[in-house]
């Protein structure tokens, strides 16, 4: 039985990934911030109901000791760490001239440093175990194209792609593959907040910003968490063993690169 850990799994895409990997037969560790404990426990209970083992851990991906602890606890409580999904992240919708240095640092601390810590601690554990593993990170459509009013977020997600490529090269000798997933517009709380903030900037009613952006989706709808989770299922399984260093778009046809 393989063990997968998903960060930022109390809700949204992270929860969808955790449930999908549980359905695939992985034992699951889910983690999120202490403030999300109640929702995280509900996710853990749903996972256990599917018939696999599950643990819920709280921590902050921006803190090295916290990340080290949740990785160690995963291996101690479930026996190993075979798949690491560094999903936790935050968005920011703001004109670049209005972004403060502290706001810039926060986005990069969570989306950049947090992913770096999850990647490296997971790699150390997998190398110690000696049988390889799968490391998977959250990038974005904004990691392939910089978007106005999402400039700092975009820059952080471009960084995920670069780190994923470098890690794939460094850890291949240990049998570890490293890939990322790049969602477009997903029907989650994060996108509700992006829509709200874009609407406030552009004087648009609630839902109108998302509707305008969704008009450019070839498949004609915004994605669900399950759409993204289905691709992560592939990255976490043996069918992707010959794929590494890649960050494919899962956007319904918004960008063609």
C-alpha atoms as a PDB file:
ATOM      1  CA  UNK A   1       0.000   0.000   0.000  1.00  0.00           C
ATOM      2  CA  UNK A   2       1.401   3.386  -0.980  1.00  0.00           C
ATOM      3  CA  UNK A   3       1.023   6.509   1.133  1.00  0.00           C
ATOM      4  CA  UNK A   4       0.218   9.971  -0.225  1.00  0.00           C
ATOM      5  CA  UNK A   5       0.342  13.300   1.604  1.00  0.00           C
ATOM      6  CA  UNK A   6      -1.652  16.262   0.286  1.00  0.00           C
ATOM      7  CA  UNK A   7      -1.127  19.752   1.708  1.00  0.00           C
ATOM      8  CA  UNK A   8      -3.892  22.347   1.715  1.00  0.00           C
ATOM      9  CA  UNK A   9      -6.400  19.505   1.735  1.00  0.00           C
ATOM     10  CA  UNK A  10      -9.148  20.799   4.007  1.00  0.00           C
ATOM     11  CA  UNK A  11     -11.173  21.966   1.006  1.00  0.00           C
ATOM     12  CA  UNK A  12     -11.031  22.787  -2.690  1.00  0.00           C
ATOM     13  CA  UNK A  13      -8.604  21.122  -5.073  1.00  0.00           C
ATOM     14  CA  UNK A  14      -6.591  19.601  -2.226  1.00  0.00           C
ATOM     15  CA  UNK A  15      -9.616  17.826  -0.821  1.00  0.00           C
ATOM     16  CA  UNK A  16     -10.615  16.591  -4.281  1.00  0.00           C
ATOM     17  CA  UNK A  17      -7.111  15.196  -4.797  1.00  0.00           C
ATOM     18  CA  UNK A  18      -7.122  13.476  -1.412  1.00  0.00           C
ATOM     19  CA  UNK A  19     -10.464  11.798  -2.098  1.00  0.00           C
ATOM     20  CA  UNK A  20      -9.389  10.694  -5.574  1.00  0.00           C
ATOM     21  CA  UNK A  21      -6.087   9.222  -4.375  1.00  0.00           C
ATOM     22  CA  UNK A  22      -7.959   7.427  -1.599  1.00  0.00           C
ATOM     23  CA  UNK A  23     -10.307   5.970  -4.213  1.00  0.00           C
ATOM     24  CA  UNK A  24      -7.198   4.821  -6.085  1.00  0.00           C
ATOM     25  CA  UNK A  25      -6.160   2.851  -3.001  1.00  0.00           C
ATOM     26  CA  UNK A  26      -3.511   5.064  -1.422  1.00  0.00           C
ATOM     27  CA  UNK A  27      -3.453   5.573   2.322  1.00  0.00           C
ATOM     28  CA  UNK A  28      -3.736   9.307   2.854  1.00  0.00           C
ATOM     29  CA  UNK A  29      -2.282  12.015   5.070  1.00  0.00           C
ATOM     30  CA  UNK A  30      -3.945  15.399   4.716  1.00  0.00           C
ATOM     31  CA  UNK A  31      -2.628  18.627   6.156  1.00  0.00           C
ATOM     32  CA  UNK A  32      -3.679  22.249   6.415  1.00  0.00           C
ATOM     33  CA  UNK A  33      -3.365  25.240   8.732  1.00  0.00           C
ATOM     34  CA  UNK A  34      -4.526  24.878  12.352  1.00  0.00           C
ATOM     35  CA  UNK A  35      -7.395  27.259  11.588  1.00  0.00           C
ATOM     36  CA  UNK A  36      -8.738  24.659   9.150  1.00  0.00           C
ATOM     37  CA  UNK A  37      -8.793  21.789  11.668  1.00  0.00           C
ATOM     38  CA  UNK A  38     -12.553  21.258  11.625  1.00  0.00           C
ATOM     39  CA  UNK A  39     -12.765  21.067   7.835  1.00  0.00           C
ATOM     40  CA  UNK A  40      -9.611  18.945   7.734  1.00  0.00           C
ATOM     41  CA  UNK A  41     -11.128  16.404  10.116  1.00  0.00           C
ATOM     42  CA  UNK A  42     -14.206  16.168   7.893  1.00  0.00           C
ATOM     43  CA  UNK A  43     -11.937  15.430   4.937  1.00  0.00           C
ATOM     44  CA  UNK A  44     -10.122  12.757   6.941  1.00  0.00           C
ATOM     45  CA  UNK A  45     -13.424  11.119   7.891  1.00  0.00           C
ATOM     46  CA  UNK A  46     -14.562  11.064   4.245  1.00  0.00           C
ATOM     47  CA  UNK A  47     -11.281   9.439   3.245  1.00  0.00           C
ATOM     48  CA  UNK A  48     -11.544   6.762   5.922  1.00  0.00           C
ATOM     49  CA  UNK A  49     -15.104   6.023   4.796  1.00  0.00           C
ATOM     50  CA  UNK A  50     -13.653   4.972   1.443  1.00  0.00           C
ATOM     51  CA  UNK A  51     -11.807   2.139   3.159  1.00  0.00           C
ATOM     52  CA  UNK A  52      -8.209   3.362   3.420  1.00  0.00           C
ATOM     53  CA  UNK A  53      -6.226   4.646   6.369  1.00  0.00           C
ATOM     54  CA  UNK A  54      -6.097   8.410   6.873  1.00  0.00           C
ATOM     55  CA  UNK A  55      -4.482  10.903   9.221  1.00  0.00           C
ATOM     56  CA  UNK A  56      -5.066  14.651   9.541  1.00  0.00           C
ATOM     57  CA  UNK A  57      -2.100  16.839  10.405  1.00  0.00           C
ATOM     58  CA  UNK A  58      -1.912  20.574  10.985  1.00  0.00           C
ATOM     59  CA  UNK A  59       1.023  22.691   9.962  1.00  0.00           C
ATOM     60  CA  UNK A  60       2.280  25.702   8.036  1.00  0.00           C
ATOM     61  CA  UNK A  61       4.087  25.009   4.763  1.00  0.00           C
ATOM     62  CA  UNK A  62       6.121  28.210   5.143  1.00  0.00           C
ATOM     63  CA  UNK A  63       7.763  26.926   8.336  1.00  0.00           C
ATOM     64  CA  UNK A  64      10.637  24.426   7.887  1.00  0.00           C
ATOM     65  CA  UNK A  65      10.097  22.689  11.219  1.00  0.00           C
ATOM     66  CA  UNK A  66       6.392  22.366  10.563  1.00  0.00           C
ATOM     67  CA  UNK A  67       6.948  20.763   7.153  1.00  0.00           C
ATOM     68  CA  UNK A  68       9.601  18.433   8.573  1.00  0.00           C
ATOM     69  CA  UNK A  69       7.150  17.378  11.272  1.00  0.00           C
ATOM     70  CA  UNK A  70       4.214  16.619   8.984  1.00  0.00           C
ATOM     71  CA  UNK A  71       6.446  14.557   6.690  1.00  0.00           C
ATOM     72  CA  UNK A  72       7.865  12.629   9.638  1.00  0.00           C
ATOM     73  CA  UNK A  73       4.422  12.083  11.129  1.00  0.00           C
ATOM     74  CA  UNK A  74       3.105  10.796   7.818  1.00  0.00           C
ATOM     75  CA  UNK A  75       5.866   8.190   7.620  1.00  0.00           C
ATOM     76  CA  UNK A  76       5.566   7.277  11.301  1.00  0.00           C
ATOM     77  CA  UNK A  77       1.785   6.914  11.370  1.00  0.00           C
ATOM     78  CA  UNK A  78       1.211   5.361   7.941  1.00  0.00           C
ATOM     79  CA  UNK A  79       4.524   3.588   7.384  1.00  0.00           C
ATOM     80  CA  UNK A  80       6.060   5.571   4.518  1.00  0.00           C
ATOM     81  CA  UNK A  81       5.727   8.550   2.210  1.00  0.00           C
ATOM     82  CA  UNK A  82       5.461   7.558  -1.451  1.00  0.00           C
ATOM     83  CA  UNK A  83       3.551  10.466  -2.996  1.00  0.00           C
ATOM     84  CA  UNK A  84       3.814  14.108  -1.945  1.00  0.00           C
ATOM     85  CA  UNK A  85       1.310  16.585  -3.365  1.00  0.00           C
ATOM     86  CA  UNK A  86       2.401  20.128  -2.517  1.00  0.00           C
ATOM     87  CA  UNK A  87      -0.991  21.677  -3.150  1.00  0.00           C
ATOM     88  CA  UNK A  88      -1.192  24.471  -0.557  1.00  0.00           C
ATOM     89  CA  UNK A  89      -1.189  27.957  -2.035  1.00  0.00           C
ATOM     90  CA  UNK A  90      -2.783  31.388  -1.989  1.00  0.00           C
ATOM     91  CA  UNK A  91      -3.925  33.846  -4.659  1.00  0.00           C
ATOM     92  CA  UNK A  92      -3.614  37.606  -4.816  1.00  0.00           C
ATOM     93  CA  UNK A  93      -5.592  39.913  -7.090  1.00  0.00           C
ATOM     94  CA  UNK A  94      -4.088  43.374  -7.164  1.00  0.00           C
ATOM     95  CA  UNK A  95      -2.497  45.877  -9.538  1.00  0.00           C
ATOM     96  CA  UNK A  96       1.278  45.663  -9.343  1.00  0.00           C
ATOM     97  CA  UNK A  97       1.603  49.338  -8.403  1.00  0.00           C
ATOM     98  CA  UNK A  98      -0.615  48.693  -5.371  1.00  0.00           C
ATOM     99  CA  UNK A  99       1.213  45.586  -4.114  1.00  0.00           C
ATOM    100  CA  UNK A 100       3.278  46.209  -0.993  1.00  0.00           C
ATOM    101  CA  UNK A 101       6.606  44.438  -0.408  1.00  0.00           C
ATOM    102  CA  UNK A 102       5.018  42.505   2.477  1.00  0.00           C
ATOM    103  CA  UNK A 103       2.178  41.338   0.235  1.00  0.00           C
ATOM    104  CA  UNK A 104       4.662  40.242  -2.411  1.00  0.00           C
ATOM    105  CA  UNK A 105       6.657  38.325   0.194  1.00  0.00           C
ATOM    106  CA  UNK A 106       3.558  36.555   1.530  1.00  0.00           C
ATOM    107  CA  UNK A 107       2.549  35.163  -1.875  1.00  0.00           C
ATOM    108  CA  UNK A 108       6.056  33.929  -2.610  1.00  0.00           C
ATOM    109  CA  UNK A 109       6.507  32.601   0.908  1.00  0.00           C
ATOM    110  CA  UNK A 110       3.446  30.354   0.572  1.00  0.00           C
ATOM    111  CA  UNK A 111       3.538  29.457  -3.118  1.00  0.00           C
ATOM    112  CA  UNK A 112       7.305  29.389  -3.540  1.00  0.00           C
ATOM    113  CA  UNK A 113       9.053  28.692  -0.253  1.00  0.00           C
ATOM    114  CA  UNK A 114       6.202  26.445   0.910  1.00  0.00           C
ATOM    115  CA  UNK A 115       6.467  24.289  -2.184  1.00  0.00           C
ATOM    116  CA  UNK A 116      10.276  24.208  -1.920  1.00  0.00           C
ATOM    117  CA  UNK A 117      10.063  22.948   1.662  1.00  0.00           C
ATOM    118  CA  UNK A 118       7.479  20.287   0.785  1.00  0.00           C
ATOM    119  CA  UNK A 119       9.531  19.111  -2.189  1.00  0.00           C
ATOM    120  CA  UNK A 120      12.820  18.887  -0.311  1.00  0.00           C
ATOM    121  CA  UNK A 121      11.503  17.291   2.880  1.00  0.00           C
ATOM    122  CA  UNK A 122       9.543  14.737   0.856  1.00  0.00           C
ATOM    123  CA  UNK A 123      12.645  13.980  -1.216  1.00  0.00           C
ATOM    124  CA  UNK A 124      14.745  13.418   1.900  1.00  0.00           C
ATOM    125  CA  UNK A 125      12.173  10.960   3.241  1.00  0.00           C
ATOM    126  CA  UNK A 126      11.885   9.125  -0.078  1.00  0.00           C
ATOM    127  CA  UNK A 127      15.665   8.891  -0.479  1.00  0.00           C
ATOM    128  CA  UNK A 128      15.901   7.476   3.033  1.00  0.00           C
ATOM    129  CA  UNK A 129      13.258   4.866   2.187  1.00  0.00           C
ATOM    130  CA  UNK A 130      15.240   3.890  -0.902  1.00  0.00           C
ATOM    131  CA  UNK A 131      12.437   3.017  -3.307  1.00  0.00           C
ATOM    132  CA  UNK A 132      11.753   6.260  -5.138  1.00  0.00           C
ATOM    133  CA  UNK A 133       8.502   8.179  -5.134  1.00  0.00           C
ATOM    134  CA  UNK A 134       6.310  10.797  -6.747  1.00  0.00           C
ATOM    135  CA  UNK A 135       6.518  14.508  -5.922  1.00  0.00           C
ATOM    136  CA  UNK A 136       3.764  16.672  -7.389  1.00  0.00           C
ATOM    137  CA  UNK A 137       3.310  20.433  -7.094  1.00  0.00           C
ATOM    138  CA  UNK A 138       0.590  22.991  -7.705  1.00  0.00           C
ATOM    139  CA  UNK A 139       1.388  25.452 -10.463  1.00  0.00           C
ATOM    140  CA  UNK A 140      -1.328  27.185 -12.500  1.00  0.00           C
ATOM    141  CA  UNK A 141      -2.359  28.461 -15.888  1.00  0.00           C
ATOM    142  CA  UNK A 142      -0.704  31.592 -14.475  1.00  0.00           C
ATOM    143  CA  UNK A 143       2.544  29.639 -14.433  1.00  0.00           C
ATOM    144  CA  UNK A 144       2.468  29.587 -18.240  1.00  0.00           C
ATOM    145  CA  UNK A 145       1.180  33.116 -18.858  1.00  0.00           C
ATOM    146  CA  UNK A 146       1.416  36.161 -16.623  1.00  0.00           C
ATOM    147  CA  UNK A 147      -2.003  37.729 -16.041  1.00  0.00           C
ATOM    148  CA  UNK A 148      -2.664  41.373 -15.309  1.00  0.00           C
ATOM    149  CA  UNK A 149      -3.926  41.945 -11.738  1.00  0.00           C
ATOM    150  CA  UNK A 150      -2.506  38.504 -10.898  1.00  0.00           C
ATOM    151  CA  UNK A 151       1.105  39.481 -11.507  1.00  0.00           C
ATOM    152  CA  UNK A 152       2.656  38.436  -8.200  1.00  0.00           C
ATOM    153  CA  UNK A 153       0.648  35.203  -8.147  1.00  0.00           C
ATOM    154  CA  UNK A 154       1.741  34.498 -11.727  1.00  0.00           C
ATOM    155  CA  UNK A 155       5.402  35.042 -10.863  1.00  0.00           C
ATOM    156  CA  UNK A 156       5.134  32.594  -7.966  1.00  0.00           C
ATOM    157  CA  UNK A 157       3.590  29.929 -10.195  1.00  0.00           C
ATOM    158  CA  UNK A 158       6.247  30.386 -12.895  1.00  0.00           C
ATOM    159  CA  UNK A 159       8.701  29.631 -10.091  1.00  0.00           C
ATOM    160  CA  UNK A 160       6.937  26.345  -9.354  1.00  0.00           C
ATOM    161  CA  UNK A 161       7.602  25.203 -12.914  1.00  0.00           C
ATOM    162  CA  UNK A 162      11.301  26.074 -12.656  1.00  0.00           C
ATOM    163  CA  UNK A 163      11.719  24.337  -9.313  1.00  0.00           C
ATOM    164  CA  UNK A 164       9.885  21.284 -10.634  1.00  0.00           C
ATOM    165  CA  UNK A 165      12.248  21.032 -13.592  1.00  0.00           C
ATOM    166  CA  UNK A 166      15.347  21.391 -11.407  1.00  0.00           C
ATOM    167  CA  UNK A 167      14.131  18.885  -8.803  1.00  0.00           C
ATOM    168  CA  UNK A 168      13.287  16.350 -11.505  1.00  0.00           C
ATOM    169  CA  UNK A 169      16.872  16.502 -12.767  1.00  0.00           C
ATOM    170  CA  UNK A 170      18.483  16.294  -9.334  1.00  0.00           C
ATOM    171  CA  UNK A 171      16.385  13.447  -7.919  1.00  0.00           C
ATOM    172  CA  UNK A 172      15.976  11.179 -10.942  1.00  0.00           C
ATOM    173  CA  UNK A 173      18.921   9.068  -9.752  1.00  0.00           C
ATOM    174  CA  UNK A 174      16.874   8.223  -6.648  1.00  0.00           C
ATOM    175  CA  UNK A 175      13.875   7.029  -8.647  1.00  0.00           C
ATOM    176  CA  UNK A 176      11.845  10.136  -7.793  1.00  0.00           C
ATOM    177  CA  UNK A 177       9.733  11.823 -10.450  1.00  0.00           C
ATOM    178  CA  UNK A 178       8.724  15.454 -10.007  1.00  0.00           C
ATOM    179  CA  UNK A 179       5.850  17.023 -11.938  1.00  0.00           C
ATOM    180  CA  UNK A 180       3.306  19.811 -11.470  1.00  0.00           C
ATOM    181  CA  UNK A 181      -0.281  20.457 -12.496  1.00  0.00           C
ATOM    182  CA  UNK A 182      -1.544  23.742 -13.924  1.00  0.00           C
ATOM    183  CA  UNK A 183      -5.290  24.306 -13.441  1.00  0.00           C
ATOM    184  CA  UNK A 184      -7.203  27.098 -15.118  1.00  0.00           C
ATOM    185  CA  UNK A 185     -10.406  28.434 -13.591  1.00  0.00           C
ATOM    186  CA  UNK A 186     -11.637  26.013 -10.938  1.00  0.00           C
ATOM    187  CA  UNK A 187     -14.934  26.247  -9.081  1.00  0.00           C
ATOM    188  CA  UNK A 188     -13.382  26.652  -5.618  1.00  0.00           C
ATOM    189  CA  UNK A 189     -13.392  29.209  -2.831  1.00  0.00           C
ATOM    190  CA  UNK A 190     -10.103  30.648  -4.120  1.00  0.00           C
ATOM    191  CA  UNK A 191     -11.692  31.511  -7.456  1.00  0.00           C
ATOM    192  CA  UNK A 192     -14.746  32.973  -5.711  1.00  0.00           C
ATOM    193  CA  UNK A 193     -12.344  35.333  -3.958  1.00  0.00           C
ATOM    194  CA  UNK A 194     -10.465  36.125  -7.186  1.00  0.00           C
ATOM    195  CA  UNK A 195     -13.790  36.921  -8.880  1.00  0.00           C
ATOM    196  CA  UNK A 196     -14.781  39.169  -5.972  1.00  0.00           C
ATOM    197  CA  UNK A 197     -11.493  41.071  -6.033  1.00  0.00           C
ATOM    198  CA  UNK A 198     -11.449  41.453  -9.832  1.00  0.00           C
ATOM    199  CA  UNK A 199     -15.046  42.680  -9.684  1.00  0.00           C
ATOM    200  CA  UNK A 200     -14.135  45.307  -7.119  1.00  0.00           C
ATOM    201  CA  UNK A 201     -11.249  46.556  -9.277  1.00  0.00           C
ATOM    202  CA  UNK A 202     -13.202  46.526 -12.549  1.00  0.00           C
ATOM    203  CA  UNK A 203     -16.587  47.582 -11.111  1.00  0.00           C
ATOM    204  CA  UNK A 204     -18.267  44.325 -12.124  1.00  0.00           C
ATOM    205  CA  UNK A 205     -20.996  42.419 -10.299  1.00  0.00           C
ATOM    206  CA  UNK A 206     -20.294  39.206  -8.421  1.00  0.00           C
ATOM    207  CA  UNK A 207     -19.705  36.337 -10.829  1.00  0.00           C
ATOM    208  CA  UNK A 208     -19.186  38.534 -13.873  1.00  0.00           C
ATOM    209  CA  UNK A 209     -15.374  38.451 -13.828  1.00  0.00           C
ATOM    210  CA  UNK A 210     -15.308  34.673 -13.689  1.00  0.00           C
ATOM    211  CA  UNK A 211     -17.950  34.495 -16.407  1.00  0.00           C
ATOM    212  CA  UNK A 212     -15.888  36.751 -18.666  1.00  0.00           C
ATOM    213  CA  UNK A 213     -12.732  34.689 -18.153  1.00  0.00           C
ATOM    214  CA  UNK A 214     -14.629  31.411 -18.574  1.00  0.00           C
ATOM    215  CA  UNK A 215     -15.867  32.586 -21.982  1.00  0.00           C
ATOM    216  CA  UNK A 216     -12.410  31.743 -23.308  1.00  0.00           C
ATOM    217  CA  UNK A 217     -12.521  28.082 -22.265  1.00  0.00           C
ATOM    218  CA  UNK A 218     -12.710  25.799 -25.295  1.00  0.00           C
ATOM    219  CA  UNK A 219     -14.659  23.084 -23.475  1.00  0.00           C
ATOM    220  CA  UNK A 220     -17.260  25.632 -22.423  1.00  0.00           C
ATOM    221  CA  UNK A 221     -17.182  25.295 -18.634  1.00  0.00           C
ATOM    222  CA  UNK A 222     -15.008  26.012 -15.625  1.00  0.00           C
ATOM    223  CA  UNK A 223     -13.343  22.993 -14.095  1.00  0.00           C
ATOM    224  CA  UNK A 224     -14.212  21.133 -10.929  1.00  0.00           C
ATOM    225  CA  UNK A 225     -11.699  19.919  -8.371  1.00  0.00           C
ATOM    226  CA  UNK A 226     -12.309  16.403  -9.632  1.00  0.00           C
ATOM    227  CA  UNK A 227     -11.000  17.376 -13.090  1.00  0.00           C
ATOM    228  CA  UNK A 228      -7.667  18.369 -11.596  1.00  0.00           C
ATOM    229  CA  UNK A 229      -7.642  15.402  -9.221  1.00  0.00           C
ATOM    230  CA  UNK A 230      -8.015  12.990 -12.138  1.00  0.00           C
ATOM    231  CA  UNK A 231      -4.744  14.245 -13.613  1.00  0.00           C
ATOM    232  CA  UNK A 232      -2.984  14.154 -10.253  1.00  0.00           C
ATOM    233  CA  UNK A 233      -4.145  10.534  -9.989  1.00  0.00           C
ATOM    234  CA  UNK A 234      -2.167   9.836 -13.161  1.00  0.00           C
ATOM    235  CA  UNK A 235       0.910  11.646 -11.837  1.00  0.00           C
ATOM    236  CA  UNK A 236       0.708   9.685  -8.567  1.00  0.00           C
ATOM    237  CA  UNK A 237       0.401   6.301 -10.266  1.00  0.00           C
ATOM    238  CA  UNK A 238       2.685   3.975 -12.235  1.00  0.00           C
ATOM    239  CA  UNK A 239       1.425   5.079 -15.656  1.00  0.00           C
ATOM    240  CA  UNK A 240       3.429   8.314 -15.269  1.00  0.00           C
ATOM    241  CA  UNK A 241       6.708   6.580 -14.390  1.00  0.00           C
ATOM    242  CA  UNK A 242       8.408   7.886 -17.565  1.00  0.00           C
ATOM    243  CA  UNK A 243       7.235  11.472 -17.070  1.00  0.00           C
ATOM    244  CA  UNK A 244       9.219  13.977 -15.030  1.00  0.00           C
ATOM    245  CA  UNK A 245       9.907  17.701 -14.907  1.00  0.00           C
ATOM    246  CA  UNK A 246       6.628  18.563 -16.624  1.00  0.00           C
ATOM    247  CA  UNK A 247       3.865  21.050 -15.779  1.00  0.00           C
ATOM    248  CA  UNK A 248       0.883  20.348 -18.066  1.00  0.00           C
ATOM    249  CA  UNK A 249      -2.144  22.594 -18.352  1.00  0.00           C
ATOM    250  CA  UNK A 250      -5.471  21.249 -17.069  1.00  0.00           C
ATOM    251  CA  UNK A 251      -7.527  24.240 -18.180  1.00  0.00           C
ATOM    252  CA  UNK A 252     -10.216  23.002 -20.565  1.00  0.00           C
ATOM    253  CA  UNK A 253      -8.460  24.728 -23.449  1.00  0.00           C
ATOM    254  CA  UNK A 254      -7.664  28.293 -22.349  1.00  0.00           C
ATOM    255  CA  UNK A 255      -4.005  28.332 -23.385  1.00  0.00           C
ATOM    256  CA  UNK A 256      -2.341  26.405 -26.174  1.00  0.00           C
ATOM    257  CA  UNK A 257       1.409  26.290 -25.656  1.00  0.00           C
END
